[in-house]
Amino acid sequence: MKSERAVHNIEPVYDRDSRILILGSFPSVKSREAAFFYHHPQNRFWKVLAGVYKEPVPDTIEEKKKFLHRNYIAVWDVIESCTISGSSDASIRDVVPNPIERILEEADIRQIFVNGKTAGKMYGKYQQEKLGREAIVLPSTSPANAAWTLDKLLDAWGKALCLGV
């Protein structure tokens, strides 16, 4: 697959009551097409969050936004633009980071989590020193992380998110 310059086209979801910030690396092709986070049907992000918070899995974008607000969760990505092949995190280069400080200035974020090792690496390289905040790396909800079953993800994310508020 050919690499292309891609620009993040999804606004962050947060409000002043957000306490947890979850950052991905960069939206997948499906998420960029839908203009919303974790839109690929095989990504387990929404199933994991719904399981952790003991709620039904939100379906529509509006339901997902309400779910995040109700549970004091902010969501965005580390990267604003990059060169990428399809949805491959491994192919990401020429990174321009998102202005995450905007969320930190407006919300009482108590803990930052990153969804997967690539997001963790990118956060460490482009954001951590500037923001002065460490992030907890959670196992990726991506279907590419097949070694992690839904049950294992629920356990790891549940333990971490309970500490985050």
Protein backbone atom coordinates (compact mmCIF):
# COMPACT_ATOMS: atom_id res chain seq x y z
CA MET A 1 0.00 0.00 0.00
CA LYS A 2 1.23 3.46 -0.93
CA SER A 3 2.03 6.00 1.79
CA GLU A 4 0.10 9.25 1.85
CA ARG A 5 0.11 12.44 3.85
CA ALA A 6 -2.96 12.30 6.09
CA VAL A 7 -4.46 14.97 8.33
CA HIS A 8 -6.49 14.22 11.46
CA ASN A 9 -10.10 15.16 10.72
CA ILE A 10 -11.81 14.35 14.03
CA GLU A 11 -12.34 16.93 16.75
CA PRO A 12 -11.50 15.77 20.26
CA VAL A 13 -14.40 14.73 22.47
CA TYR A 14 -14.19 16.29 25.92
CA ASP A 15 -15.75 18.86 28.20
CA ARG A 16 -14.66 20.66 31.35
CA ASP A 17 -15.81 17.68 33.45
CA SER A 18 -13.54 15.18 31.66
CA ARG A 19 -11.19 13.44 34.11
CA ILE A 20 -9.59 10.75 31.93
CA LEU A 21 -7.92 11.38 28.57
CA ILE A 22 -7.49 8.42 26.23
CA LEU A 23 -5.19 9.01 23.28
CA GLY A 24 -4.76 6.85 20.23
CA SER A 25 -1.94 7.29 17.74
CA PHE A 26 -3.77 8.33 14.55
CA PRO A 27 -7.24 7.43 13.19
CA SER A 28 -7.61 4.40 10.94
CA VAL A 29 -8.85 4.79 7.37
CA LYS A 30 -12.37 3.75 8.52
CA SER A 31 -12.30 6.28 11.36
CA ARG A 32 -11.11 9.06 9.04
CA GLU A 33 -13.88 8.17 6.57
CA ALA A 34 -16.54 8.26 9.31
CA ALA A 35 -14.88 11.25 11.03
CA PHE A 36 -15.11 9.54 14.43
CA PHE A 37 -12.88 7.53 16.74
CA TYR A 38 -12.51 3.76 16.58
CA HIS A 39 -15.03 3.34 13.79
CA HIS A 40 -13.63 0.09 12.36
CA PRO A 41 -16.14 -2.62 13.35
CA GLN A 42 -13.33 -4.97 14.42
CA ASN A 43 -11.78 -2.45 16.82
CA ARG A 44 -12.74 -3.38 20.38
CA PHE A 45 -12.46 0.11 21.93
CA TRP A 46 -16.20 0.68 22.39
CA LYS A 47 -16.82 -2.90 23.58
CA VAL A 48 -14.03 -2.57 26.13
CA LEU A 49 -15.23 0.78 27.50
CA ALA A 50 -18.83 -0.42 27.63
CA GLY A 51 -17.71 -3.55 29.48
CA VAL A 52 -15.60 -1.60 31.97
CA TYR A 53 -18.46 0.82 32.71
CA LYS A 54 -21.13 -1.91 32.63
CA GLU A 55 -23.16 -0.17 29.94
CA PRO A 56 -24.52 -1.22 26.54
CA VAL A 57 -22.10 -0.74 23.66
CA PRO A 58 -22.89 2.65 22.09
CA ASP A 59 -23.75 2.41 18.42
CA THR A 60 -24.13 5.84 16.84
CA ILE A 61 -21.62 8.67 17.01
CA GLU A 62 -24.06 10.64 19.17
CA GLU A 63 -24.42 7.68 21.59
CA LYS A 64 -20.63 7.37 21.74
CA LYS A 65 -20.21 11.07 22.56
CA LYS A 66 -22.86 10.86 25.30
CA PHE A 67 -21.17 7.73 26.70
CA LEU A 68 -17.81 9.53 26.90
CA HIS A 69 -19.26 12.63 28.56
CA ARG A 70 -21.32 10.58 31.02
CA ASN A 71 -18.19 8.70 32.09
CA TYR A 72 -15.90 11.77 32.22
CA ILE A 73 -13.71 10.51 29.38
CA ALA A 74 -11.95 12.65 26.80
CA VAL A 75 -10.72 11.03 23.56
CA TRP A 76 -8.28 12.26 20.96
CA ASP A 77 -5.08 11.18 19.22
CA VAL A 78 -1.43 12.05 19.69
CA ILE A 79 -0.88 12.88 16.01
CA GLU A 80 -2.41 15.74 14.01
CA SER A 81 -0.88 14.73 10.67
CA CYS A 82 1.61 12.21 9.35
CA THR A 83 2.66 10.12 6.39
CA ILE A 84 0.98 6.73 6.70
CA SER A 85 0.18 3.64 4.61
CA GLY A 86 -3.52 2.88 5.09
CA SER A 87 -4.09 2.33 8.81
CA SER A 88 -0.66 0.90 9.62
CA ASP A 89 0.77 2.40 12.81
CA ALA A 90 4.11 0.84 11.89
CA SER A 91 4.29 3.01 8.77
CA ILE A 92 3.75 6.37 10.55
CA ARG A 93 6.42 8.99 9.89
CA ASP A 94 6.78 12.78 9.44
CA VAL A 95 4.65 13.38 12.54
CA VAL A 96 3.05 16.67 13.52
CA PRO A 97 1.57 16.31 17.04
CA ASN A 98 -1.92 17.42 18.09
CA PRO A 99 -2.18 20.39 20.51
CA ILE A 100 -3.22 18.22 23.47
CA GLU A 101 -2.54 21.06 25.90
CA ARG A 102 -5.85 22.53 24.72
CA ILE A 103 -7.71 19.71 26.51
CA LEU A 104 -5.50 19.92 29.60
CA GLU A 105 -6.17 23.66 29.90
CA GLU A 106 -9.95 23.26 29.68
CA ALA A 107 -10.61 20.00 31.56
CA ASP A 108 -9.53 18.57 34.91
CA ILE A 109 -7.68 15.60 33.41
CA ARG A 110 -6.37 13.46 36.24
CA GLN A 111 -4.84 10.68 34.15
CA ILE A 112 -3.73 10.25 30.56
CA PHE A 113 -3.92 6.80 28.97
CA VAL A 114 -2.69 5.77 25.53
CA ASN A 115 -4.30 3.02 23.49
CA GLY A 116 -1.41 0.78 22.49
CA LYS A 117 2.37 0.81 22.24
CA THR A 118 2.58 3.02 19.15
CA ALA A 119 0.45 5.70 20.81
CA GLY A 120 2.68 5.36 23.88
CA LYS A 121 5.84 5.74 21.82
CA MET A 122 4.44 8.75 19.95
CA TYR A 123 3.22 10.36 23.18
CA GLY A 124 6.64 9.88 24.77
CA LYS A 125 8.43 11.33 21.77
CA TYR A 126 6.17 14.29 20.92
CA GLN A 127 4.03 15.15 23.95
CA GLN A 128 5.31 14.00 27.34
CA GLU A 129 8.08 16.54 27.90
CA LYS A 130 6.02 19.44 26.52
CA LEU A 131 3.01 18.55 28.68
CA GLY A 132 4.98 17.42 31.74
CA ARG A 133 2.61 14.48 32.18
CA GLU A 134 3.25 10.77 31.91
CA ALA A 135 0.75 8.48 30.24
CA ILE A 136 -0.19 4.92 31.14
CA VAL A 137 0.10 2.60 28.14
CA LEU A 138 -2.86 0.26 27.79
CA PRO A 139 -2.97 -2.74 25.43
CA SER A 140 -4.26 -1.78 22.02
CA THR A 141 -7.91 -2.43 21.21
CA SER A 142 -6.97 -2.77 17.53
CA PRO A 143 -7.86 -6.02 15.75
CA ALA A 144 -4.14 -6.21 14.89
CA ASN A 145 -3.52 -6.92 18.60
CA ALA A 146 -5.03 -10.39 18.31
CA ALA A 147 -2.96 -11.77 21.21
CA TRP A 148 -5.21 -9.81 23.57
CA THR A 149 -8.66 -11.34 23.86
CA LEU A 150 -11.63 -9.15 24.75
CA ASP A 151 -11.59 -10.60 28.29
CA LYS A 152 -7.90 -9.75 28.76
CA LEU A 153 -8.49 -6.22 27.43
CA LEU A 154 -11.46 -5.75 29.77
CA ASP A 155 -9.35 -6.82 32.73
CA ALA A 156 -6.36 -4.58 31.91
CA TRP A 157 -8.41 -1.54 30.93
CA GLY A 158 -10.79 -1.99 33.86
CA LYS A 159 -7.97 -2.06 36.42
CA ALA A 160 -6.28 0.99 34.88
CA LEU A 161 -9.39 3.13 34.37
CA CYS A 162 -10.58 2.52 37.92
CA LEU A 163 -7.33 4.10 39.13
CA GLY A 164 -7.67 7.02 36.69
CA VAL A 165 -10.53 8.87 38.39
